[in-house]
Amino acid sequence: MREEEAAVQLQLCVFFIVAEVRDKLCSFSPQYETRNIFSEYQTILFFTGRLSQHCWGVTYTSTQICAVKGSTVEIKYRYTYPSRTQYQITKVQMKLWFTKGFDHQPVDLKSDSDYTGRVEYRSNQDCTLRITELRESDSAVYKFRFITNHQGGSYTGSPGVTLTVTDAPKLPSVSVSPSAEIVEGSSVTLTCSSDANPAANYTWYKEDGHKRLSEDSQLVFSSIQSSDSGQYYCRAENKLGMKRSGSKLIDVKYAPKLPSVSVSPSAEIVEGSSVTLTCSSDANPAANYTWYKEGDHKRLSEDSQLVFSSIQSSDSGQYYCRAENKLGMKRSGSKLIDLSGGELFHQSLSALLADLKYLPVCSATLCN
């Protein structure tokens, strides 16, 4: 039974040692002695060694750090190692931080051109990595590594510290798709983009209006109308600030709308007077106009106005105009020009004046 008890004690001793070192890279220098506890032919090993005072390790104060672009960040850490390894004093020969490369071939931040003049290693009770004038490109995982005078005596603190550099939105840019001419009825998308960390939220507006048109990076017109023409802009915003884009002109092209015809003067038209007919139509690009008389295909004018400097009874009739651009054509309704009433009035007036010639001339008291 004494042999069985001794075997159990040995197993427990070995298990205790393994359990204590399995989660840490620790130095252990076993010492042992043999004792004859059963008979002169039976011996058992008794481990009398102790775990070294320190294990290999790196401890970071924080593993997740956020900092604003342009500021300074300090990453605090501690590292430990055995004071002796294989009976030799342990000395740290190199300390470095890196974001590039691998554990066996890291790129020291101090020699990394992206960090020139911006990195400082401070060694005191609490060691510190200091990075100034932070850039968005500094967002990375940072690891500390130290190398000692012993073969294989190096250690990297994993998983490291994740640094995220935040920034307010930069000046947003606005793009339009399609980039070609915008025609009424087509689909048009405006896209707002801004470099920001955290990502920006977007809002769309139309100039001279405070109504929010969209709270997305895109403003979409599935079937754009002429009334949608105007200047548009967006705002990019995150918790660090807001930026407004410049204005983008949306110029919707469309065929002429139904033309209208006006007559000047609007009073009764008298033969011999000046009369102007004006044709107008909303169109983009601007419409070209042509005038016609009903029943006659001859072009009377290729201007927005048809002018009669001394209108005659023969000019009576129905007139209409056409408005045309590269996107289409529209014809106005007909406008009646009627001089019949004015002509009768003119004839009556002439006859009256002729009769006045034959009337006697009267003085204040007598008639001749």
Protein backbone atom coordinates (compact mmCIF):
# COMPACT_ATOMS: atom_id res chain seq x y z
CA MET A 1 0.00 0.00 0.00
CA ARG A 2 2.90 2.35 0.74
CA GLU A 3 4.10 1.96 -2.85
CA GLU A 4 0.63 2.83 -4.23
CA GLU A 5 0.34 5.90 -1.99
CA ALA A 6 3.75 7.10 -3.12
CA ALA A 7 2.75 6.71 -6.78
CA VAL A 8 -0.40 8.79 -6.20
CA GLN A 9 1.64 11.49 -4.47
CA LEU A 10 4.03 11.61 -7.41
CA GLN A 11 1.15 11.95 -9.89
CA LEU A 12 -0.39 14.76 -7.83
CA CYS A 13 2.93 16.56 -7.69
CA VAL A 14 3.42 16.40 -11.44
CA PHE A 15 -0.20 17.48 -12.08
CA PHE A 16 0.26 20.45 -9.77
CA ILE A 17 3.29 21.66 -11.70
CA VAL A 18 1.63 21.27 -15.10
CA ALA A 19 -1.57 22.98 -13.95
CA GLU A 20 0.36 25.97 -12.69
CA VAL A 21 2.31 26.58 -15.89
CA ARG A 22 -0.09 25.49 -18.61
CA ASP A 23 -1.63 29.00 -19.16
CA LYS A 24 1.58 31.02 -18.86
CA LEU A 25 5.00 30.91 -20.38
CA CYS A 26 6.89 30.53 -17.11
CA SER A 27 10.40 29.47 -16.24
CA PHE A 28 10.73 26.33 -14.13
CA SER A 29 14.03 24.92 -12.93
CA PRO A 30 13.30 21.55 -11.35
CA GLN A 31 15.52 20.16 -8.64
CA TYR A 32 15.06 16.72 -7.31
CA GLU A 33 16.46 14.25 -4.84
CA THR A 34 15.99 10.56 -4.35
CA ARG A 35 14.82 9.07 -1.13
CA ASN A 36 14.70 5.44 -0.24
CA ILE A 37 11.35 5.23 1.47
CA PHE A 38 10.40 1.68 0.71
CA SER A 39 13.52 -0.39 0.55
CA GLU A 40 17.12 -0.03 -0.41
CA TYR A 41 16.20 -0.86 -3.99
CA GLN A 42 13.18 1.43 -4.41
CA THR A 43 13.53 5.16 -4.84
CA ILE A 44 11.20 8.00 -5.87
CA LEU A 45 11.90 11.45 -7.22
CA PHE A 46 10.83 14.36 -5.04
CA PHE A 47 10.63 17.73 -6.90
CA THR A 48 11.92 20.50 -4.74
CA GLY A 49 12.19 23.21 -7.42
CA ARG A 50 9.93 26.30 -7.49
CA LEU A 51 8.32 28.28 -10.27
CA SER A 52 10.35 31.37 -11.08
CA GLN A 53 9.10 34.65 -9.71
CA HIS A 54 8.04 36.06 -13.16
CA CYS A 55 6.42 34.65 -16.31
CA TRP A 56 6.73 35.84 -19.91
CA GLY A 57 3.89 38.23 -20.64
CA VAL A 58 2.61 41.63 -21.85
CA THR A 59 -0.37 43.38 -20.25
CA TYR A 60 -2.11 46.31 -21.94
CA THR A 61 -4.14 48.82 -19.96
CA SER A 62 -6.75 48.80 -22.75
CA THR A 63 -7.08 46.70 -25.88
CA GLN A 64 -9.55 49.05 -27.66
CA ILE A 65 -8.73 52.75 -28.06
CA CYS A 66 -10.50 55.50 -30.04
CA ALA A 67 -8.82 58.84 -30.73
CA VAL A 68 -9.58 61.87 -32.88
CA LYS A 69 -7.51 62.67 -35.95
CA GLY A 70 -4.74 65.17 -35.18
CA SER A 71 -4.65 64.33 -31.47
CA THR A 72 -2.06 62.38 -29.43
CA VAL A 73 -2.63 58.89 -28.06
CA GLU A 74 -0.76 57.03 -25.32
CA ILE A 75 -0.93 53.25 -25.07
CA LYS A 76 0.15 52.00 -21.64
CA TYR A 77 1.47 48.50 -21.01
CA ARG A 78 3.62 46.30 -18.79
CA TYR A 79 5.77 43.33 -19.65
CA THR A 80 7.30 40.59 -17.51
CA TYR A 81 9.93 37.90 -17.97
CA PRO A 82 11.87 35.44 -15.79
CA SER A 83 14.76 36.98 -13.91
CA ARG A 84 16.77 33.88 -14.75
CA THR A 85 16.55 31.35 -17.52
CA GLN A 86 18.60 28.18 -17.35
CA TYR A 87 20.50 29.68 -14.40
CA GLN A 88 21.47 32.77 -16.43
CA ILE A 89 20.27 36.31 -15.71
CA THR A 90 17.73 37.47 -18.30
CA LYS A 91 18.40 40.79 -20.01
CA VAL A 92 16.10 42.60 -22.47
CA GLN A 93 18.09 43.53 -25.54
CA MET A 94 15.36 45.01 -27.76
CA LYS A 95 11.88 46.48 -27.34
CA LEU A 96 9.65 47.55 -30.19
CA TRP A 97 6.07 48.19 -31.33
CA PHE A 98 4.78 47.14 -34.71
CA THR A 99 1.67 47.00 -36.90
CA LYS A 100 3.29 45.49 -39.99
CA GLY A 101 5.08 42.23 -40.50
CA PHE A 102 4.95 39.09 -38.37
CA ASP A 103 6.16 38.21 -34.89
CA HIS A 104 9.45 36.85 -36.22
CA GLN A 105 9.99 39.77 -38.63
CA PRO A 106 8.16 42.87 -37.37
CA VAL A 107 8.62 46.42 -38.69
CA ASP A 108 9.55 48.69 -35.81
CA LEU A 109 7.32 51.78 -35.70
CA LYS A 110 10.41 53.92 -35.22
CA SER A 111 11.75 52.77 -38.57
CA ASP A 112 8.36 52.86 -40.33
CA SER A 113 8.24 55.89 -42.66
CA ASP A 114 4.51 56.31 -41.95
CA TYR A 115 5.37 57.21 -38.34
CA THR A 116 8.55 59.24 -38.80
CA GLY A 117 8.89 61.82 -36.03
CA ARG A 118 5.58 60.88 -34.45
CA VAL A 119 6.45 57.86 -32.24
CA GLU A 120 8.00 57.75 -28.79
CA TYR A 121 8.67 54.79 -26.46
CA ARG A 122 8.62 55.67 -22.79
CA SER A 123 9.97 53.22 -20.21
CA ASN A 124 9.16 53.67 -16.56
CA GLN A 125 6.98 51.84 -14.09
CA ASP A 126 4.14 52.00 -16.60
CA CYS A 127 5.58 51.81 -20.10
CA THR A 128 3.97 53.97 -22.77
CA LEU A 129 3.76 54.12 -26.55
CA ARG A 130 3.07 57.72 -27.61
CA ILE A 131 1.87 58.63 -31.13
CA THR A 132 1.32 62.28 -32.06
CA GLU A 133 -0.57 63.99 -34.91
CA LEU A 134 -2.79 60.98 -35.46
CA ARG A 135 -3.88 60.16 -38.99
CA GLU A 136 -6.76 58.02 -40.18
CA SER A 137 -4.16 55.64 -41.62
CA ASP A 138 -2.91 55.04 -38.07
CA SER A 139 -5.98 52.92 -37.40
CA ALA A 140 -4.46 49.45 -36.86
CA VAL A 141 -3.63 46.71 -34.36
CA TYR A 142 -0.50 47.56 -32.35
CA LYS A 143 1.64 44.88 -30.69
CA PHE A 144 4.58 45.13 -28.31
CA ARG A 145 7.50 42.71 -28.65
CA PHE A 146 10.67 42.31 -26.61
CA ILE A 147 13.75 40.18 -27.20
CA THR A 148 16.16 38.93 -24.49
CA ASN A 149 19.69 37.58 -24.44
CA HIS A 150 18.50 33.96 -24.41
CA GLN A 151 17.93 31.87 -27.48
CA GLY A 152 14.21 31.77 -28.10
CA GLY A 153 13.81 34.33 -25.33
CA SER A 154 11.40 36.72 -27.07
CA TYR A 155 7.76 37.47 -26.59
CA THR A 156 4.96 39.32 -28.45
CA GLY A 157 1.90 40.59 -26.63
CA SER A 158 -1.07 39.29 -28.58
CA PRO A 159 -3.77 40.03 -29.62
CA GLY A 160 -2.50 43.61 -29.17
CA VAL A 161 -4.26 46.97 -29.00
CA THR A 162 -6.76 48.10 -31.65
CA LEU A 163 -6.51 51.82 -32.34
CA THR A 164 -9.32 53.54 -34.24
CA VAL A 165 -8.70 57.10 -35.41
CA THR A 166 -11.93 59.04 -35.86
CA ASP A 167 -12.52 62.16 -37.93
CA ALA A 168 -15.31 64.61 -38.75
CA PRO A 169 -16.66 64.43 -42.31
CA LYS A 170 -14.59 66.02 -45.03
CA LEU A 171 -16.16 68.26 -47.67
CA PRO A 172 -18.80 66.05 -49.37
CA SER A 173 -18.78 65.57 -53.12
CA VAL A 174 -21.92 65.21 -55.24
CA SER A 175 -22.13 63.09 -58.38
CA VAL A 176 -25.01 62.72 -60.83
CA SER A 177 -25.98 59.62 -62.77
CA PRO A 178 -26.38 59.55 -65.68
CA SER A 179 -23.73 62.17 -66.36
CA ALA A 180 -25.24 62.95 -69.78
CA GLU A 181 -28.07 65.40 -70.48
CA ILE A 182 -31.05 64.95 -68.16
CA VAL A 183 -34.34 64.55 -70.00
CA GLU A 184 -37.77 64.82 -68.40
CA GLY A 185 -39.20 61.42 -67.46
CA SER A 186 -35.83 59.71 -67.08
CA SER A 187 -34.35 58.22 -63.90
CA VAL A 188 -31.71 60.35 -62.16
CA THR A 189 -29.64 59.61 -59.04
CA LEU A 190 -27.60 62.10 -57.01
CA THR A 191 -24.95 60.57 -54.73
CA CYS A 192 -23.29 62.28 -51.78
CA SER A 193 -19.98 60.96 -50.43
CA SER A 194 -17.67 62.11 -47.66
CA ASP A 195 -14.66 60.56 -45.97
CA ALA A 196 -15.47 60.28 -42.25
CA ASN A 197 -14.89 57.99 -39.28
CA PRO A 198 -17.32 57.00 -37.93
CA ALA A 199 -19.24 56.91 -41.20
CA ALA A 200 -21.29 60.00 -41.95
CA ASN A 201 -25.07 60.28 -42.08
CA TYR A 202 -26.39 62.16 -45.11
CA THR A 203 -29.27 64.59 -45.70
CA TRP A 204 -30.40 66.10 -49.02
CA TYR A 205 -31.86 69.57 -49.61
CA LYS A 206 -32.91 71.81 -52.50
CA GLU A 207 -31.70 75.42 -52.50
CA ASP A 208 -34.29 77.92 -51.24
CA GLY A 209 -36.02 75.13 -49.35
CA HIS A 210 -35.48 73.71 -45.86
CA LYS A 211 -37.42 70.51 -46.41
CA ARG A 212 -35.38 67.31 -46.09
CA LEU A 213 -35.66 65.46 -49.38
CA SER A 214 -33.76 62.33 -48.33
CA GLU A 215 -31.80 60.98 -45.36
CA ASP A 216 -29.72 58.64 -47.45
CA SER A 217 -26.48 58.99 -49.37
CA GLN A 218 -28.55 58.98 -52.58
CA LEU A 219 -31.39 61.18 -53.81
CA VAL A 220 -33.31 59.28 -56.48
CA PHE A 221 -35.77 60.66 -59.07
CA SER A 222 -37.45 57.68 -60.70
CA SER A 223 -39.15 59.93 -63.28
CA ILE A 224 -37.71 63.43 -63.10
CA GLN A 225 -39.92 66.39 -64.04
CA SER A 226 -39.20 69.89 -65.26
CA SER A 227 -40.30 71.18 -61.85
CA ASP A 228 -37.38 69.26 -60.29
CA SER A 229 -34.85 71.56 -61.97
CA GLY A 230 -32.78 73.49 -59.46
CA GLN A 231 -29.74 73.49 -57.17
CA TYR A 232 -29.28 70.55 -54.78
CA TYR A 233 -26.83 69.97 -51.93
CA CYS A 234 -26.18 67.43 -49.19
CA ARG A 235 -24.91 67.44 -45.62
CA ALA A 236 -22.58 64.83 -44.15
CA GLU A 237 -22.58 64.53 -40.38
CA ASN A 238 -21.24 62.34 -37.58
CA LYS A 239 -20.71 62.90 -33.86
CA LEU A 240 -17.51 64.84 -34.55
CA GLY A 241 -18.96 67.44 -36.92
CA MET A 242 -20.86 68.35 -40.09
CA LYS A 243 -19.93 69.49 -43.59
CA ARG A 244 -22.13 70.79 -46.41
CA SER A 245 -21.41 70.10 -50.06
CA GLY A 246 -21.41 72.66 -52.80
CA SER A 247 -24.60 73.02 -54.85
CA LYS A 248 -25.24 70.85 -57.89
CA LEU A 249 -27.38 72.19 -60.71
CA ILE A 250 -29.99 69.81 -62.09
CA ASP A 251 -31.13 71.16 -65.46
CA VAL A 252 -34.00 69.05 -66.78
CA LYS A 253 -34.48 69.25 -70.52
CA TYR A 254 -37.99 68.89 -71.94
CA ALA A 255 -40.06 69.39 -75.09
CA PRO A 256 -42.24 72.52 -75.44
CA LYS A 257 -45.43 72.62 -73.42
CA LEU A 258 -48.71 73.70 -75.13
CA PRO A 259 -48.08 77.22 -76.52
CA SER A 260 -50.36 80.12 -75.66
CA VAL A 261 -51.20 83.03 -77.99
CA SER A 262 -51.87 86.59 -76.84
CA VAL A 263 -52.99 89.64 -78.89
CA SER A 264 -52.00 93.26 -78.32
CA PRO A 265 -53.88 95.49 -78.07
CA SER A 266 -56.55 93.42 -76.42
CA ALA A 267 -59.29 95.93 -77.39
CA GLU A 268 -61.24 95.94 -80.66
CA ILE A 269 -58.96 95.77 -83.68
CA VAL A 270 -59.38 98.62 -86.17
CA GLU A 271 -58.16 98.50 -89.73
CA GLY A 272 -54.87 100.37 -90.13
CA SER A 273 -53.82 99.92 -86.52
CA SER A 274 -50.76 98.05 -85.25
CA VAL A 275 -51.43 94.53 -83.95
CA THR A 276 -49.00 92.03 -82.40
CA LEU A 277 -49.60 88.32 -81.79
CA THR A 278 -47.22 86.68 -79.29
CA CYS A 279 -46.55 82.95 -78.93
CA SER A 280 -45.07 81.57 -75.70
CA SER A 281 -44.23 78.06 -74.54
CA ASP A 282 -42.30 76.63 -71.60
CA ALA A 283 -39.44 74.56 -73.01
CA ASN A 284 -35.84 73.60 -72.25
CA PRO A 285 -33.91 74.28 -74.35
CA ALA A 286 -35.89 77.36 -75.43
CA ALA A 287 -38.34 76.80 -78.25
CA ASN A 288 -38.18 78.16 -81.77
CA TYR A 289 -41.47 79.59 -83.04
CA THR A 290 -43.24 79.60 -86.40
CA TRP A 291 -46.50 81.41 -87.32
CA TYR A 292 -49.19 80.20 -89.71
CA LYS A 293 -52.66 81.21 -90.88
CA GLU A 294 -55.31 78.53 -91.00
CA GLY A 295 -55.75 77.18 -94.51
CA ASP A 296 -52.35 78.43 -95.58
CA HIS A 297 -49.10 76.48 -95.07
CA LYS A 298 -46.93 79.49 -95.74
CA ARG A 299 -44.69 80.50 -92.82
CA LEU A 300 -45.65 84.02 -91.81
CA SER A 301 -42.91 84.47 -89.20
CA GLU A 302 -40.15 82.51 -87.49
CA ASP A 303 -40.20 84.63 -84.38
CA SER A 304 -42.19 84.47 -81.17
CA GLN A 305 -44.18 87.49 -82.44
CA LEU A 306 -46.26 88.07 -85.56
CA VAL A 307 -46.53 91.83 -86.13
CA PHE A 308 -49.04 93.71 -88.33
CA SER A 309 -47.84 97.31 -88.51
CA SER A 310 -51.03 98.37 -90.37
CA ILE A 311 -53.55 95.59 -90.26
CA GLN A 312 -56.04 95.23 -93.11
CA SER A 313 -59.41 93.56 -93.45
CA SER A 314 -57.76 90.93 -95.60
CA ASP A 315 -55.70 89.91 -92.53
CA SER A 316 -58.82 88.67 -90.78
CA GLY A 317 -58.65 84.96 -90.01
CA GLN A 318 -57.44 82.22 -87.66
CA TYR A 319 -53.76 82.24 -86.65
CA TYR A 320 -51.67 79.69 -84.77
CA CYS A 321 -48.04 79.09 -83.85
CA ARG A 322 -45.73 76.13 -83.41
CA ALA A 323 -43.13 75.83 -80.64
CA GLU A 324 -40.30 73.41 -81.34
CA ASN A 325 -36.95 72.27 -79.89
CA LYS A 326 -34.81 69.16 -80.36
CA LEU A 327 -37.00 67.19 -77.95
CA GLY A 328 -40.34 67.81 -79.62
CA MET A 329 -42.98 70.18 -81.03
CA LYS A 330 -46.32 71.58 -79.87
CA ARG A 331 -48.95 73.58 -81.81
CA SER A 332 -51.06 76.25 -80.20
CA GLY A 333 -54.79 76.61 -80.54
CA SER A 334 -56.08 79.03 -83.21
CA LYS A 335 -56.62 82.72 -82.49
CA LEU A 336 -59.31 84.65 -84.42
CA ILE A 337 -58.40 88.07 -85.77
CA ASP A 338 -61.70 89.75 -86.84
CA LEU A 339 -61.72 93.17 -88.45
CA SER A 340 -65.35 93.09 -89.70
CA GLY A 341 -66.71 95.23 -86.84
CA GLY A 342 -63.87 97.67 -87.06
CA GLU A 343 -64.25 97.98 -90.83
CA LEU A 344 -67.98 98.94 -90.55
CA PHE A 345 -67.11 101.47 -87.91
CA HIS A 346 -64.44 102.94 -90.18
CA GLN A 347 -66.87 103.16 -93.15
CA SER A 348 -69.57 104.86 -91.03
CA LEU A 349 -67.11 107.37 -89.69
CA SER A 350 -65.92 108.24 -93.22
CA ALA A 351 -69.52 108.76 -94.45
CA LEU A 352 -70.32 110.96 -91.46
CA LEU A 353 -67.35 113.19 -92.10
CA ALA A 354 -68.33 113.49 -95.79
CA ASP A 355 -71.87 114.63 -94.88
CA LEU A 356 -70.55 117.30 -92.54
CA LYS A 357 -69.20 119.16 -95.58
CA TYR A 358 -72.73 120.08 -96.64
CA LEU A 359 -73.98 121.38 -93.35
CA PRO A 360 -74.36 125.25 -93.04
CA VAL A 361 -71.77 127.10 -91.03
CA CYS A 362 -73.33 128.82 -88.01
CA SER A 363 -72.13 131.86 -86.11
CA ALA A 364 -72.93 132.64 -82.55
CA THR A 365 -76.32 134.23 -83.53
CA LEU A 366 -77.01 133.48 -87.16
CA CYS A 367 -76.65 130.80 -89.74
CA ASN A 368 -75.67 131.75 -93.30
